[in-house]
Amino acid sequence: MKMRTFVAMKTFKEFFYFMKSDRRAIVALGCIAVFCVGVLMLMDAWKGKEKEVKAEEKVILNVERKEERGEVVMRAFDPNTVDSLTLIGFGLRPWKVKNFLHYREAGKVFRSTEDLGDTYGWTEEDVERVASYVRVGKKYGKSGRNEKHEKYGKNENHWNDGKRWEKKEKPERPSNKFQTLTKVDVNTADTAMLRRIPGVGAKISDAIVRYRKRLGGFHSVEQLREISIVSPELLDWMEVSSSNIQKINMNKASFQALNSHPYISYEQTKALLQYIRLYGDVKDEKALVETGIFTKEEVEKLRPYITYE
């Protein structure tokens, strides 16, 4: 030990026998080395985080593709033991899944479906999305028996600390779904009204409202078929009784307004704005077809949503 200390002190003293310029060069090289090591460590950490994000994005993309192909990606699970991939399979965002796992790691226990809503960031729609697949195990389920109850038997009537108690059935919550065929106007209904249709949950109702906003309103019930998750059977419950459609002025609309419409592509938006800049306004439907930007069928599809004045 003394020998090592002596060698170190000797090396430190010899450092000052170098010329001042040499000492500066040595210190500079040392700083550069430390800086390079720090940069390499940060790059490794950043690459690890990037791989994690890409992995999560890949899982979400696979889930969306399976949903589009109609494959089942959801399965029953116990919230006290479920893994992250199963939850992401329900379309939940990765940060919400992380909050769920952190909440559970903190010692929290899920005894019912409603307890999932205590997770930070989870909405009622998130809970509703997984509700029918939740299976709480006997260990934590509200319907399970604890050790004290088990020793008194499995009869409907039990004794607890010398006091008799009876199992009470939880009253069923009345359903707000329509019991008979009822037509709902998809141009005026909000998500709550749409969810009253049997077979329509939060995901489908949100998709209908979002697509209605992008279109500017539905002019036909058949347009709902353009939403991949809306089944043809649901159209029997829907109608278009109001025709308050928002129109786009093809000659004055901004790039964003044109490009956001589902019937106008990005390339068509660029080409149209360039055409108007070079040749002036498009006067009517015939002139729009003659530009070569839209086909006759595409213009016919756009007819309820565009104006030229």
Protein backbone atom coordinates (compact mmCIF):
# COMPACT_ATOMS: atom_id res chain seq x y z
CA MET A 1 0.00 0.00 0.00
CA LYS A 2 2.81 2.38 0.89
CA MET A 3 4.62 1.48 -2.33
CA ARG A 4 1.53 2.37 -4.42
CA THR A 5 1.17 5.68 -2.61
CA PHE A 6 4.83 6.46 -3.19
CA VAL A 7 4.59 5.66 -6.92
CA ALA A 8 1.51 7.82 -7.29
CA MET A 9 3.13 10.78 -5.52
CA LYS A 10 6.24 10.36 -7.63
CA THR A 11 4.24 10.35 -10.85
CA PHE A 12 2.32 13.44 -9.70
CA LYS A 13 5.58 15.31 -8.92
CA GLU A 14 7.12 14.33 -12.25
CA PHE A 15 4.15 15.97 -13.95
CA PHE A 16 5.44 19.37 -12.89
CA TYR A 17 8.89 18.73 -14.44
CA PHE A 18 7.30 18.98 -17.88
CA MET A 19 7.28 22.29 -19.67
CA LYS A 20 4.23 24.45 -19.16
CA SER A 21 3.05 23.89 -22.74
CA ASP A 22 3.43 20.10 -22.32
CA ARG A 23 1.42 20.16 -19.11
CA ARG A 24 -1.35 22.07 -20.87
CA ALA A 25 -1.34 19.55 -23.70
CA ILE A 26 -1.62 16.63 -21.25
CA VAL A 27 -4.50 18.28 -19.39
CA ALA A 28 -6.26 19.07 -22.69
CA LEU A 29 -5.88 15.45 -23.85
CA GLY A 30 -7.29 14.24 -20.53
CA CYS A 31 -10.30 16.55 -20.84
CA ILE A 32 -10.91 15.40 -24.40
CA ALA A 33 -10.75 11.76 -23.29
CA VAL A 34 -13.24 12.38 -20.47
CA PHE A 35 -15.53 14.27 -22.87
CA CYS A 36 -15.40 11.46 -25.45
CA VAL A 37 -16.23 8.84 -22.83
CA GLY A 38 -19.19 10.97 -21.66
CA VAL A 39 -20.46 11.38 -25.23
CA LEU A 40 -20.22 7.62 -25.84
CA MET A 41 -22.17 6.91 -22.65
CA LEU A 42 -24.89 9.39 -23.64
CA MET A 43 -25.10 7.90 -27.14
CA ASP A 44 -25.49 4.38 -25.71
CA ALA A 45 -28.26 5.59 -23.39
CA TRP A 46 -29.99 7.46 -26.23
CA LYS A 47 -29.77 4.45 -28.55
CA GLY A 48 -31.24 2.23 -25.84
CA LYS A 49 -34.14 4.65 -25.36
CA GLU A 50 -34.64 4.91 -29.13
CA LYS A 51 -34.76 1.11 -29.45
CA GLU A 52 -37.34 0.98 -26.64
CA VAL A 53 -39.53 3.61 -28.35
CA LYS A 54 -39.22 1.87 -31.72
CA ALA A 55 -40.15 -1.43 -30.11
CA GLU A 56 -43.28 0.14 -28.61
CA GLU A 57 -44.17 1.76 -31.93
CA LYS A 58 -43.70 -1.60 -33.68
CA VAL A 59 -46.05 -3.29 -31.22
CA ILE A 60 -48.68 -0.57 -31.70
CA LEU A 61 -48.34 -0.82 -35.50
CA ASN A 62 -48.75 -4.60 -35.38
CA VAL A 63 -51.87 -4.18 -33.23
CA GLU A 64 -53.39 -1.65 -35.66
CA ARG A 65 -52.66 -3.96 -38.63
CA LYS A 66 -54.29 -6.90 -36.85
CA GLU A 67 -57.36 -4.77 -36.13
CA GLU A 68 -57.59 -3.77 -39.79
CA ARG A 69 -57.39 -7.44 -40.84
CA GLY A 70 -60.10 -8.30 -38.33
CA GLU A 71 -57.81 -10.51 -36.24
CA VAL A 72 -58.52 -10.84 -32.53
CA VAL A 73 -55.67 -9.35 -30.49
CA MET A 74 -57.46 -9.01 -27.16
CA ARG A 75 -57.79 -11.70 -24.54
CA ALA A 76 -58.94 -12.04 -20.94
CA PHE A 77 -56.44 -10.98 -18.28
CA ASP A 78 -55.98 -10.48 -14.55
CA PRO A 79 -55.00 -6.82 -13.90
CA ASN A 80 -52.80 -7.93 -10.99
CA THR A 81 -50.59 -10.08 -13.23
CA VAL A 82 -51.05 -8.77 -16.80
CA ASP A 83 -47.97 -7.77 -18.81
CA SER A 84 -47.46 -4.62 -20.87
CA LEU A 85 -47.81 -6.25 -24.32
CA THR A 86 -51.27 -7.56 -23.48
CA LEU A 87 -52.44 -4.06 -22.47
CA ILE A 88 -50.91 -2.45 -25.56
CA GLY A 89 -52.85 -5.04 -27.56
CA PHE A 90 -56.02 -3.24 -26.51
CA GLY A 91 -54.82 -0.04 -28.20
CA LEU A 92 -53.73 1.67 -24.96
CA ARG A 93 -50.89 4.15 -25.30
CA PRO A 94 -47.51 2.94 -23.93
CA TRP A 95 -47.28 5.76 -21.37
CA LYS A 96 -50.65 4.75 -19.93
CA VAL A 97 -49.47 1.14 -19.70
CA LYS A 98 -46.31 2.29 -17.87
CA ASN A 99 -48.41 4.26 -15.39
CA PHE A 100 -50.50 1.14 -14.81
CA LEU A 101 -47.44 -1.02 -14.10
CA HIS A 102 -45.86 1.63 -11.83
CA TYR A 103 -49.14 1.91 -9.93
CA ARG A 104 -49.18 -1.85 -9.42
CA GLU A 105 -45.48 -2.00 -8.47
CA ALA A 106 -46.19 0.57 -5.76
CA GLY A 107 -48.24 -2.11 -4.00
CA LYS A 108 -51.68 -1.23 -5.32
CA VAL A 109 -54.17 -4.04 -5.88
CA PHE A 110 -57.01 -4.16 -8.43
CA ARG A 111 -60.06 -5.82 -6.88
CA SER A 112 -62.56 -4.87 -9.59
CA THR A 113 -62.76 -3.41 -13.09
CA GLU A 114 -63.60 0.03 -11.67
CA ASP A 115 -60.24 0.10 -9.82
CA LEU A 116 -58.42 0.38 -13.17
CA GLY A 117 -59.73 3.94 -13.44
CA ASP A 118 -57.54 4.93 -10.46
CA THR A 119 -54.48 4.69 -12.71
CA TYR A 120 -53.11 8.11 -13.62
CA GLY A 121 -54.02 9.09 -17.18
CA TRP A 122 -56.66 6.41 -17.69
CA THR A 123 -60.04 7.64 -18.89
CA GLU A 124 -63.48 6.08 -18.70
CA GLU A 125 -63.08 5.08 -22.34
CA ASP A 126 -59.86 3.19 -21.51
CA VAL A 127 -61.58 1.26 -18.73
CA GLU A 128 -64.59 0.56 -20.96
CA ARG A 129 -62.28 -0.74 -23.69
CA VAL A 130 -60.88 -3.53 -21.48
CA ALA A 131 -63.82 -4.03 -19.10
CA SER A 132 -65.26 -7.15 -20.72
CA TYR A 133 -61.84 -8.86 -20.65
CA VAL A 134 -60.95 -8.24 -16.99
CA ARG A 135 -60.84 -11.35 -14.81
CA VAL A 136 -59.74 -10.54 -11.25
CA GLY A 137 -58.28 -13.61 -9.52
CA LYS A 138 -59.80 -15.13 -6.40
CA LYS A 139 -56.98 -13.77 -4.25
CA TYR A 140 -58.00 -10.14 -4.75
CA GLY A 141 -61.48 -10.31 -6.25
CA LYS A 142 -64.30 -8.71 -4.27
CA SER A 143 -66.27 -11.92 -4.58
CA GLY A 144 -63.43 -13.99 -3.12
CA ARG A 145 -63.23 -15.18 0.50
CA ASN A 146 -60.43 -14.11 2.80
CA GLU A 147 -58.84 -16.56 5.22
CA LYS A 148 -61.21 -15.64 8.05
CA HIS A 149 -64.24 -16.30 5.88
CA GLU A 150 -62.88 -19.58 4.52
CA LYS A 151 -62.71 -21.22 7.94
CA TYR A 152 -66.46 -20.68 8.40
CA GLY A 153 -67.29 -22.64 5.25
CA LYS A 154 -68.59 -21.77 1.78
CA ASN A 155 -72.30 -21.43 2.57
CA GLU A 156 -74.18 -18.34 1.52
CA ASN A 157 -74.45 -17.32 5.18
CA HIS A 158 -71.22 -16.79 7.14
CA TRP A 159 -70.10 -15.78 10.58
CA ASN A 160 -67.55 -13.02 11.04
CA ASP A 161 -66.21 -12.29 14.54
CA GLY A 162 -69.33 -13.83 16.08
CA LYS A 163 -71.69 -11.78 13.92
CA ARG A 164 -73.68 -13.34 11.18
CA TRP A 165 -73.57 -11.68 7.80
CA GLU A 166 -75.29 -12.55 4.59
CA LYS A 167 -74.00 -12.28 1.09
CA LYS A 168 -75.77 -9.46 -0.69
CA GLU A 169 -76.07 -9.42 -4.43
CA LYS A 170 -74.98 -6.22 -6.11
CA PRO A 171 -77.87 -4.66 -8.01
CA GLU A 172 -77.35 -4.63 -11.76
CA ARG A 173 -76.85 -1.24 -13.34
CA PRO A 174 -79.61 -0.55 -15.86
CA SER A 175 -78.35 -0.44 -19.43
CA ASN A 176 -78.77 2.78 -21.41
CA LYS A 177 -78.66 0.94 -24.74
CA PHE A 178 -81.68 1.20 -27.02
CA GLN A 179 -83.94 -1.81 -26.52
CA THR A 180 -85.73 -1.42 -29.86
CA LEU A 181 -84.56 -0.23 -33.28
CA THR A 182 -84.06 3.54 -33.02
CA LYS A 183 -82.69 5.78 -35.77
CA VAL A 184 -79.87 8.10 -34.70
CA ASP A 185 -78.88 11.11 -36.80
CA VAL A 186 -75.12 10.74 -37.26
CA ASN A 187 -74.77 14.41 -38.20
CA THR A 188 -76.04 15.72 -34.86
CA ALA A 189 -75.47 12.89 -32.37
CA ASP A 190 -72.63 13.18 -29.86
CA THR A 191 -70.55 10.23 -28.67
CA ALA A 192 -72.87 9.56 -25.71
CA MET A 193 -75.89 9.21 -28.01
CA LEU A 194 -73.98 7.00 -30.45
CA ARG A 195 -72.91 4.69 -27.61
CA ARG A 196 -76.57 3.96 -26.90
CA ILE A 197 -76.67 1.93 -30.12
CA PRO A 198 -76.10 -1.78 -29.37
CA GLY A 199 -72.62 -2.76 -30.51
CA VAL A 200 -71.23 0.80 -30.43
CA GLY A 201 -68.64 1.60 -27.78
CA ALA A 202 -66.26 4.46 -27.16
CA LYS A 203 -63.88 3.51 -29.99
CA ILE A 204 -66.54 3.36 -32.71
CA SER A 205 -68.40 6.48 -31.53
CA ASP A 206 -65.15 8.49 -31.41
CA ALA A 207 -64.23 7.30 -34.92
CA ILE A 208 -67.63 8.39 -36.29
CA VAL A 209 -67.40 11.87 -34.75
CA ARG A 210 -63.81 12.36 -35.94
CA TYR A 211 -64.64 11.30 -39.50
CA ARG A 212 -67.74 13.52 -39.51
CA LYS A 213 -65.58 16.50 -38.56
CA ARG A 214 -63.05 15.74 -41.31
CA LEU A 215 -65.78 15.36 -43.93
CA GLY A 216 -67.77 18.39 -42.88
CA GLY A 217 -70.83 16.22 -42.29
CA PHE A 218 -72.39 13.08 -43.78
CA HIS A 219 -74.67 13.34 -46.78
CA SER A 220 -75.37 9.58 -46.85
CA VAL A 221 -75.40 6.76 -44.30
CA GLU A 222 -73.35 4.68 -46.75
CA GLN A 223 -70.35 6.92 -46.04
CA LEU A 224 -70.05 5.23 -42.66
CA ARG A 225 -68.78 2.16 -44.51
CA GLU A 226 -65.60 4.18 -45.15
CA ILE A 227 -64.80 3.79 -41.42
CA SER A 228 -63.16 0.38 -41.16
CA ILE A 229 -64.41 -0.47 -37.66
CA VAL A 230 -68.09 0.27 -38.42
CA SER A 231 -69.87 -2.97 -39.38
CA PRO A 232 -72.69 -2.89 -41.98
CA GLU A 233 -75.21 -4.10 -39.37
CA LEU A 234 -74.84 -0.85 -37.43
CA LEU A 235 -76.13 1.21 -40.36
CA ASP A 236 -79.67 0.04 -39.62
CA TRP A 237 -79.57 2.20 -36.48
CA MET A 238 -78.29 5.33 -38.24
CA GLU A 239 -79.70 7.97 -40.54
CA VAL A 240 -78.84 11.36 -42.07
CA SER A 241 -81.81 13.64 -41.50
CA SER A 242 -79.93 16.94 -41.40
CA SER A 243 -77.97 18.24 -44.38
CA ASN A 244 -75.92 21.00 -42.79
CA ILE A 245 -72.70 20.20 -44.65
CA GLN A 246 -69.66 22.46 -44.44
CA LYS A 247 -68.37 23.26 -47.93
CA ILE A 248 -64.84 24.07 -49.04
CA ASN A 249 -64.15 26.87 -51.52
CA MET A 250 -61.76 25.24 -53.98
CA ASN A 251 -60.33 28.60 -55.06
CA LYS A 252 -59.84 30.22 -51.64
CA ALA A 253 -59.29 27.34 -49.19
CA SER A 254 -55.91 27.01 -47.48
CA PHE A 255 -53.56 24.10 -47.95
CA GLN A 256 -54.53 22.70 -44.56
CA ALA A 257 -58.27 22.92 -45.24
CA LEU A 258 -57.93 21.07 -48.56
CA ASN A 259 -55.45 18.45 -47.37
CA SER A 260 -57.42 17.59 -44.23
CA HIS A 261 -60.47 16.48 -46.24
CA PRO A 262 -60.50 12.67 -46.62
CA TYR A 263 -61.45 12.88 -50.32
CA ILE A 264 -58.50 15.12 -51.29
CA SER A 265 -54.96 13.72 -51.19
CA TYR A 266 -51.75 15.57 -50.40
CA GLU A 267 -50.58 15.41 -54.04
CA GLN A 268 -53.94 16.72 -55.31
CA THR A 269 -53.80 19.62 -52.84
CA LYS A 270 -50.35 20.69 -54.05
CA ALA A 271 -51.30 20.34 -57.72
CA LEU A 272 -54.55 22.31 -57.31
CA LEU A 273 -52.93 25.24 -55.52
CA GLN A 274 -50.18 25.36 -58.16
CA TYR A 275 -52.77 25.26 -60.96
CA ILE A 276 -54.74 28.16 -59.44
CA ARG A 277 -51.53 30.16 -58.99
CA LEU A 278 -50.57 29.70 -62.66
CA TYR A 279 -53.94 29.72 -64.46
CA GLY A 280 -56.42 31.34 -62.10
CA ASP A 281 -59.59 30.13 -60.39
CA VAL A 282 -61.45 26.96 -61.29
CA LYS A 283 -64.95 28.04 -62.38
CA ASP A 284 -67.01 24.86 -62.15
CA GLU A 285 -67.05 21.07 -61.97
CA LYS A 286 -66.22 20.65 -65.66
CA ALA A 287 -63.16 22.89 -65.33
CA LEU A 288 -62.02 20.95 -62.28
CA VAL A 289 -62.08 17.69 -64.24
CA GLU A 290 -60.22 19.34 -67.14
CA THR A 291 -57.31 20.24 -64.85
CA GLY A 292 -56.46 16.54 -64.81
CA ILE A 293 -55.94 16.65 -61.04
CA PHE A 294 -59.22 14.88 -60.23
CA THR A 295 -61.07 12.19 -62.13
CA LYS A 296 -64.76 12.54 -62.96
CA GLU A 297 -65.63 10.00 -60.25
CA GLU A 298 -63.58 11.86 -57.64
CA VAL A 299 -65.24 15.18 -58.50
CA GLU A 300 -68.65 13.54 -58.24
CA LYS A 301 -67.72 12.22 -54.80
CA LEU A 302 -66.58 15.70 -53.76
CA ARG A 303 -69.65 17.49 -55.16
CA PRO A 304 -71.56 17.84 -51.84
CA TYR A 305 -68.47 19.33 -50.13
CA ILE A 306 -67.06 21.90 -52.54
CA THR A 307 -68.00 25.26 -53.99
CA TYR A 308 -66.27 27.53 -56.52
CA GLU A 309 -67.41 30.97 -55.35
